[in-house]
PDB file of N, CA and C in Angstrom:
ATOM      1  N   MET A   1     -12.989  14.693 -14.980  1.00  0.00           N
ATOM      2  CA  MET A   1     -13.741  15.375 -13.886  1.00  0.00           C
ATOM      3  C   MET A   1     -14.755  16.066 -15.170  1.00  0.00           C
ATOM      4  N   THR A   2     -15.760  15.766 -14.394  1.00  0.00           N
ATOM      5  CA  THR A   2     -17.326  16.166 -14.904  1.00  0.00           C
ATOM      6  C   THR A   2     -17.642  17.472 -14.814  1.00  0.00           C
ATOM      7  N   ASN A   3     -18.111  17.924 -16.139  1.00  0.00           N
ATOM      8  CA  ASN A   3     -18.655  19.249 -15.953  1.00  0.00           C
ATOM      9  C   ASN A   3     -19.805  19.438 -15.145  1.00  0.00           C
ATOM     10  N   ARG A   4     -19.941  20.215 -13.997  1.00  0.00           N
ATOM     11  CA  ARG A   4     -21.498  20.028 -13.358  1.00  0.00           C
ATOM     12  C   ARG A   4     -21.748  21.785 -13.380  1.00  0.00           C
ATOM     13  N   PRO A   5     -23.172  22.110 -13.292  1.00  0.00           N
ATOM     14  CA  PRO A   5     -23.280  23.225 -13.274  1.00  0.00           C
ATOM     15  C   PRO A   5     -23.429  24.102 -12.404  1.00  0.00           C
ATOM     16  N   ALA A   6     -22.993  25.217 -12.498  1.00  0.00           N
ATOM     17  CA  ALA A   6     -22.537  25.802 -11.343  1.00  0.00           C
ATOM     18  C   ALA A   6     -23.586  25.620  -9.730  1.00  0.00           C
ATOM     19  N   THR A   7     -24.907  25.593 -10.087  1.00  0.00           N
ATOM     20  CA  THR A   7     -25.946  25.507  -9.065  1.00  0.00           C
ATOM     21  C   THR A   7     -26.101  23.849  -8.639  1.00  0.00           C
ATOM     22  N   ALA A   8     -25.215  23.133  -9.263  1.00  0.00           N
ATOM     23  CA  ALA A   8     -25.384  21.787  -8.723  1.00  0.00           C
ATOM     24  C   ALA A   8     -25.070  21.450  -7.269  1.00  0.00           C
ATOM     25  N   LYS A   9     -25.264  20.886  -6.431  1.00  0.00           N
ATOM     26  CA  LYS A   9     -25.544  20.702  -4.543  1.00  0.00           C
ATOM     27  C   LYS A   9     -24.351  19.606  -4.771  1.00  0.00           C
ATOM     28  N   VAL A  10     -23.189  20.037  -4.094  1.00  0.00           N
ATOM     29  CA  VAL A  10     -21.995  19.574  -3.452  1.00  0.00           C
ATOM     30  C   VAL A  10     -22.201  18.676  -2.101  1.00  0.00           C
ATOM     31  N   VAL A  11     -22.250  17.279  -1.990  1.00  0.00           N
ATOM     32  CA  VAL A  11     -22.447  16.699  -1.156  1.00  0.00           C
ATOM     33  C   VAL A  11     -21.579  16.477   0.169  1.00  0.00           C
ATOM     34  N   ARG A  12     -20.896  16.663   1.190  1.00  0.00           N
ATOM     35  CA  ARG A  12     -19.819  16.188   1.700  1.00  0.00           C
ATOM     36  C   ARG A  12     -20.070  15.669   3.228  1.00  0.00           C
ATOM     37  N   VAL A  13     -19.624  14.530   3.624  1.00  0.00           N
ATOM     38  CA  VAL A  13     -19.985  14.149   5.105  1.00  0.00           C
ATOM     39  C   VAL A  13     -19.524  14.799   6.078  1.00  0.00           C
ATOM     40  N   ASN A  14     -18.260  15.672   5.863  1.00  0.00           N
ATOM     41  CA  ASN A  14     -17.706  16.605   7.029  1.00  0.00           C
ATOM     42  C   ASN A  14     -16.860  15.356   7.806  1.00  0.00           C
ATOM     43  N   ASP A  15     -16.260  14.835   7.265  1.00  0.00           N
ATOM     44  CA  ASP A  15     -15.044  13.361   7.737  1.00  0.00           C
ATOM     45  C   ASP A  15     -13.264  13.919   7.117  1.00  0.00           C
ATOM     46  N   ASN A  16     -13.623  14.972   7.509  1.00  0.00           N
ATOM     47  CA  ASN A  16     -11.765  15.314   6.983  1.00  0.00           C
ATOM     48  C   ASN A  16     -12.185  15.568   5.579  1.00  0.00           C
ATOM     49  N   CYS A  17     -12.994  15.346   4.358  1.00  0.00           N
ATOM     50  CA  CYS A  17     -13.152  15.456   3.511  1.00  0.00           C
ATOM     51  C   CYS A  17     -12.213  16.172   2.167  1.00  0.00           C
ATOM     52  N   GLY A  18     -11.098  17.174   3.105  1.00  0.00           N
ATOM     53  CA  GLY A  18     -10.362  18.013   2.048  1.00  0.00           C
ATOM     54  C   GLY A  18      -9.135  17.312   2.472  1.00  0.00           C
ATOM     55  N   LEU A  19      -8.954  16.091   3.227  1.00  0.00           N
ATOM     56  CA  LEU A  19      -7.350  16.081   3.001  1.00  0.00           C
ATOM     57  C   LEU A  19      -7.565  14.563   2.497  1.00  0.00           C
ATOM     58  N   GLY A  20      -6.664  14.820   1.696  1.00  0.00           N
ATOM     59  CA  GLY A  20      -6.448  13.722   0.635  1.00  0.00           C
ATOM     60  C   GLY A  20      -5.313  12.466   0.914  1.00  0.00           C
ATOM     61  N   LYS A  21      -4.342  13.402   1.509  1.00  0.00           N
ATOM     62  CA  LYS A  21      -3.401  11.981   2.233  1.00  0.00           C
ATOM     63  C   LYS A  21      -4.381  11.361   3.159  1.00  0.00           C
ATOM     64  N   ILE A  22      -3.925   9.954   3.386  1.00  0.00           N
ATOM     65  CA  ILE A  22      -4.366   9.409   4.433  1.00  0.00           C
ATOM     66  C   ILE A  22      -2.945   8.218   4.693  1.00  0.00           C
ATOM     67  N   ASN A  23      -2.503   8.952   5.891  1.00  0.00           N
ATOM     68  CA  ASN A  23      -1.414   7.870   6.230  1.00  0.00           C
ATOM     69  C   ASN A  23      -1.635   7.170   7.959  1.00  0.00           C
ATOM     70  N   PRO A  24      -1.147   6.362   8.173  1.00  0.00           N
ATOM     71  CA  PRO A  24      -0.682   5.348   7.313  1.00  0.00           C
ATOM     72  C   PRO A  24      -2.468   4.742   6.463  1.00  0.00           C
ATOM     73  N   ILE A  25      -2.260   3.943   5.446  1.00  0.00           N
ATOM     74  CA  ILE A  25      -3.234   3.341   4.805  1.00  0.00           C
ATOM     75  C   ILE A  25      -2.931   1.963   4.105  1.00  0.00           C
ATOM     76  N   ASP A  26      -4.018   1.394   4.603  1.00  0.00           N
ATOM     77  CA  ASP A  26      -4.076  -0.113   4.477  1.00  0.00           C
ATOM     78  C   ASP A  26      -5.356  -0.431   3.730  1.00  0.00           C
ATOM     79  N   HIS A  27      -5.698  -1.667   3.286  1.00  0.00           N
ATOM     80  CA  HIS A  27      -6.998  -2.283   2.667  1.00  0.00           C
ATOM     81  C   HIS A  27      -8.041  -1.921   3.496  1.00  0.00           C
ATOM     82  N   GLU A  28      -7.848  -2.322   4.856  1.00  0.00           N
ATOM     83  CA  GLU A  28      -9.111  -1.847   5.595  1.00  0.00           C
ATOM     84  C   GLU A  28      -9.136  -0.486   5.792  1.00  0.00           C
ATOM     85  N   ARG A  29      -8.508   0.066   6.023  1.00  0.00           N
ATOM     86  CA  ARG A  29      -8.926   1.522   6.227  1.00  0.00           C
ATOM     87  C   ARG A  29      -9.268   2.020   4.884  1.00  0.00           C
ATOM     88  N   ALA A  30      -8.785   1.558   3.686  1.00  0.00           N
ATOM     89  CA  ALA A  30      -9.313   2.315   2.649  1.00  0.00           C
ATOM     90  C   ALA A  30     -10.834   2.234   2.188  1.00  0.00           C
ATOM     91  N   THR A  31     -10.815   0.934   2.352  1.00  0.00           N
ATOM     92  CA  THR A  31     -12.216   0.827   2.157  1.00  0.00           C
ATOM     93  C   THR A  31     -13.293   1.222   3.118  1.00  0.00           C
ATOM     94  N   GLY A  32     -12.775   1.459   4.463  1.00  0.00           N
ATOM     95  CA  GLY A  32     -13.375   1.969   5.545  1.00  0.00           C
ATOM     96  C   GLY A  32     -13.787   3.249   4.704  1.00  0.00           C
ATOM     97  N   ILE A  33     -12.895   4.344   5.055  1.00  0.00           N
ATOM     98  CA  ILE A  33     -13.020   5.457   3.823  1.00  0.00           C
ATOM     99  C   ILE A  33     -13.702   5.208   2.842  1.00  0.00           C
ATOM    100  N   LEU A  34     -14.177   4.434   2.389  1.00  0.00           N
ATOM    101  CA  LEU A  34     -14.530   4.717   1.067  1.00  0.00           C
ATOM    102  C   LEU A  34     -15.890   4.351   1.578  1.00  0.00           C
ATOM    103  N   ALA A  35     -16.554   3.607   2.471  1.00  0.00           N
ATOM    104  CA  ALA A  35     -18.047   3.671   3.277  1.00  0.00           C
ATOM    105  C   ALA A  35     -18.412   4.887   3.955  1.00  0.00           C
ATOM    106  N   ILE A  36     -17.396   5.296   4.278  1.00  0.00           N
ATOM    107  CA  ILE A  36     -18.219   6.598   5.325  1.00  0.00           C
ATOM    108  C   ILE A  36     -18.130   7.782   4.487  1.00  0.00           C
ATOM    109  N   HIS A  37     -17.392   7.867   3.024  1.00  0.00           N
ATOM    110  CA  HIS A  37     -17.411   9.174   1.860  1.00  0.00           C
ATOM    111  C   HIS A  37     -18.637   8.320   1.034  1.00  0.00           C
ATOM    112  N   ARG A  38     -19.164   7.553   1.032  1.00  0.00           N
ATOM    113  CA  ARG A  38     -19.780   7.130   0.042  1.00  0.00           C
ATOM    114  C   ARG A  38     -21.209   7.816  -0.832  1.00  0.00           C
ATOM    115  N   SER A  39     -21.290   9.054   0.459  1.00  0.00           N
ATOM    116  CA  SER A  39     -22.004  10.042  -0.297  1.00  0.00           C
ATOM    117  C   SER A  39     -21.540  10.979  -0.623  1.00  0.00           C
ATOM    118  N   CYS A  40     -20.319  11.527  -0.733  1.00  0.00           N
ATOM    119  CA  CYS A  40     -19.457  12.383  -1.080  1.00  0.00           C
ATOM    120  C   CYS A  40     -19.650  12.719  -2.863  1.00  0.00           C
ATOM    121  N   ASP A  41     -20.554  13.725  -3.358  1.00  0.00           N
ATOM    122  CA  ASP A  41     -20.674  13.720  -4.523  1.00  0.00           C
ATOM    123  C   ASP A  41     -20.606  15.372  -5.184  1.00  0.00           C
ATOM    124  N   PRO A  42     -19.397  15.672  -6.044  1.00  0.00           N
ATOM    125  CA  PRO A  42     -18.502  14.843  -6.465  1.00  0.00           C
ATOM    126  C   PRO A  42     -17.411  14.241  -5.267  1.00  0.00           C
ATOM    127  N   PRO A  43     -16.614  12.929  -5.730  1.00  0.00           N
ATOM    128  CA  PRO A  43     -15.792  12.557  -4.677  1.00  0.00           C
ATOM    129  C   PRO A  43     -14.862  13.903  -4.244  1.00  0.00           C
ATOM    130  N   CYS A  44     -14.798  13.705  -3.020  1.00  0.00           N
ATOM    131  CA  CYS A  44     -14.111  14.416  -2.099  1.00  0.00           C
ATOM    132  C   CYS A  44     -12.444  13.746  -2.208  1.00  0.00           C
ATOM    133  N   PRO A  45     -11.662  14.695  -1.810  1.00  0.00           N
ATOM    134  CA  PRO A  45     -10.231  14.464  -2.100  1.00  0.00           C
ATOM    135  C   PRO A  45      -9.893  13.355  -0.938  1.00  0.00           C
ATOM    136  N   ARG A  46     -10.084  12.925  -0.237  1.00  0.00           N
ATOM    137  CA  ARG A  46     -10.260  12.095   0.729  1.00  0.00           C
ATOM    138  C   ARG A  46     -10.725  10.646   0.555  1.00  0.00           C
ATOM    139  N   LYS A  47     -11.885  10.540  -0.476  1.00  0.00           N
ATOM    140  CA  LYS A  47     -12.692   9.295  -0.930  1.00  0.00           C
ATOM    141  C   LYS A  47     -11.471   9.090  -2.528  1.00  0.00           C
ATOM    142  N   ALA A  48     -11.409  10.209  -2.977  1.00  0.00           N
ATOM    143  CA  ALA A  48     -10.483   9.787  -4.269  1.00  0.00           C
ATOM    144  C   ALA A  48      -9.040   8.998  -3.981  1.00  0.00           C
ATOM    145  N   ALA A  49      -8.603   9.210  -2.763  1.00  0.00           N
ATOM    146  CA  ALA A  49      -7.368   9.340  -2.286  1.00  0.00           C
ATOM    147  C   ALA A  49      -7.617   7.860  -1.906  1.00  0.00           C
ATOM    148  N   ALA A  50      -8.355   7.449  -0.983  1.00  0.00           N
ATOM    149  CA  ALA A  50      -8.759   5.772  -0.711  1.00  0.00           C
ATOM    150  C   ALA A  50      -8.795   5.002  -2.339  1.00  0.00           C
ATOM    151  N   GLN A  51      -9.647   6.009  -3.015  1.00  0.00           N
ATOM    152  CA  GLN A  51      -9.853   4.945  -4.358  1.00  0.00           C
ATOM    153  C   GLN A  51      -8.586   4.490  -4.863  1.00  0.00           C
ATOM    154  N   ALA A  52      -8.215   5.724  -5.153  1.00  0.00           N
ATOM    155  CA  ALA A  52      -6.782   5.604  -5.824  1.00  0.00           C
ATOM    156  C   ALA A  52      -6.077   4.966  -5.579  1.00  0.00           C
ATOM    157  N   TRP A  53      -5.920   4.305  -3.791  1.00  0.00           N
ATOM    158  CA  TRP A  53      -4.890   3.231  -3.401  1.00  0.00           C
ATOM    159  C   TRP A  53      -5.171   1.776  -3.545  1.00  0.00           C
ATOM    160  N   LEU A  54      -6.605   1.828  -3.633  1.00  0.00           N
ATOM    161  CA  LEU A  54      -7.272   0.526  -3.624  1.00  0.00           C
ATOM    162  C   LEU A  54      -6.795   0.284  -5.265  1.00  0.00           C
ATOM    163  N   ASP A  55      -6.915   0.904  -6.442  1.00  0.00           N
ATOM    164  CA  ASP A  55      -6.838   0.543  -7.714  1.00  0.00           C
ATOM    165  C   ASP A  55      -5.597   0.136  -8.096  1.00  0.00           C
ATOM    166  N   LYS A  56      -4.790   1.276  -7.360  1.00  0.00           N
ATOM    167  CA  LYS A  56      -3.095   0.991  -7.297  1.00  0.00           C
ATOM    168  C   LYS A  56      -2.801  -0.437  -7.336  1.00  0.00           C
ATOM    169  N   GLN A  57      -3.469  -0.442  -5.505  1.00  0.00           N
ATOM    170  CA  GLN A  57      -3.035  -2.170  -5.094  1.00  0.00           C
ATOM    171  C   GLN A  57      -3.446  -3.287  -6.154  1.00  0.00           C
ATOM    172  N   GLU A  58      -4.621  -3.060  -6.738  1.00  0.00           N
ATOM    173  CA  GLU A  58      -5.255  -4.192  -7.974  1.00  0.00           C
ATOM    174  C   GLU A  58      -4.246  -4.512  -8.830  1.00  0.00           C
ATOM    175  N   LYS A  59      -3.509  -3.024  -9.198  1.00  0.00           N
ATOM    176  CA  LYS A  59      -2.654  -3.504 -10.599  1.00  0.00           C
ATOM    177  C   LYS A  59      -1.632  -4.223  -9.888  1.00  0.00           C
ATOM    178  N   ARG A  60      -0.860  -4.486  -9.115  1.00  0.00           N
ATOM    179  CA  ARG A  60       0.398  -5.196  -8.391  1.00  0.00           C
ATOM    180  C   ARG A  60       0.067  -6.806  -8.585  1.00  0.00           C
TER     181      ARG A  60
END
């Protein structure tokens, strides 16, 4: 986690950003979520969950 100044702008796309649980999930859905949430900075829970799922699949 990075330390951001209190005045740093948080950008969200307003597409269920707060929902970190994605069920069901597969490769196509995870990559789609990453595309939609590309501009979320810092990464929203939904973007982070999709990326974590993809990272876990790569390690298999």
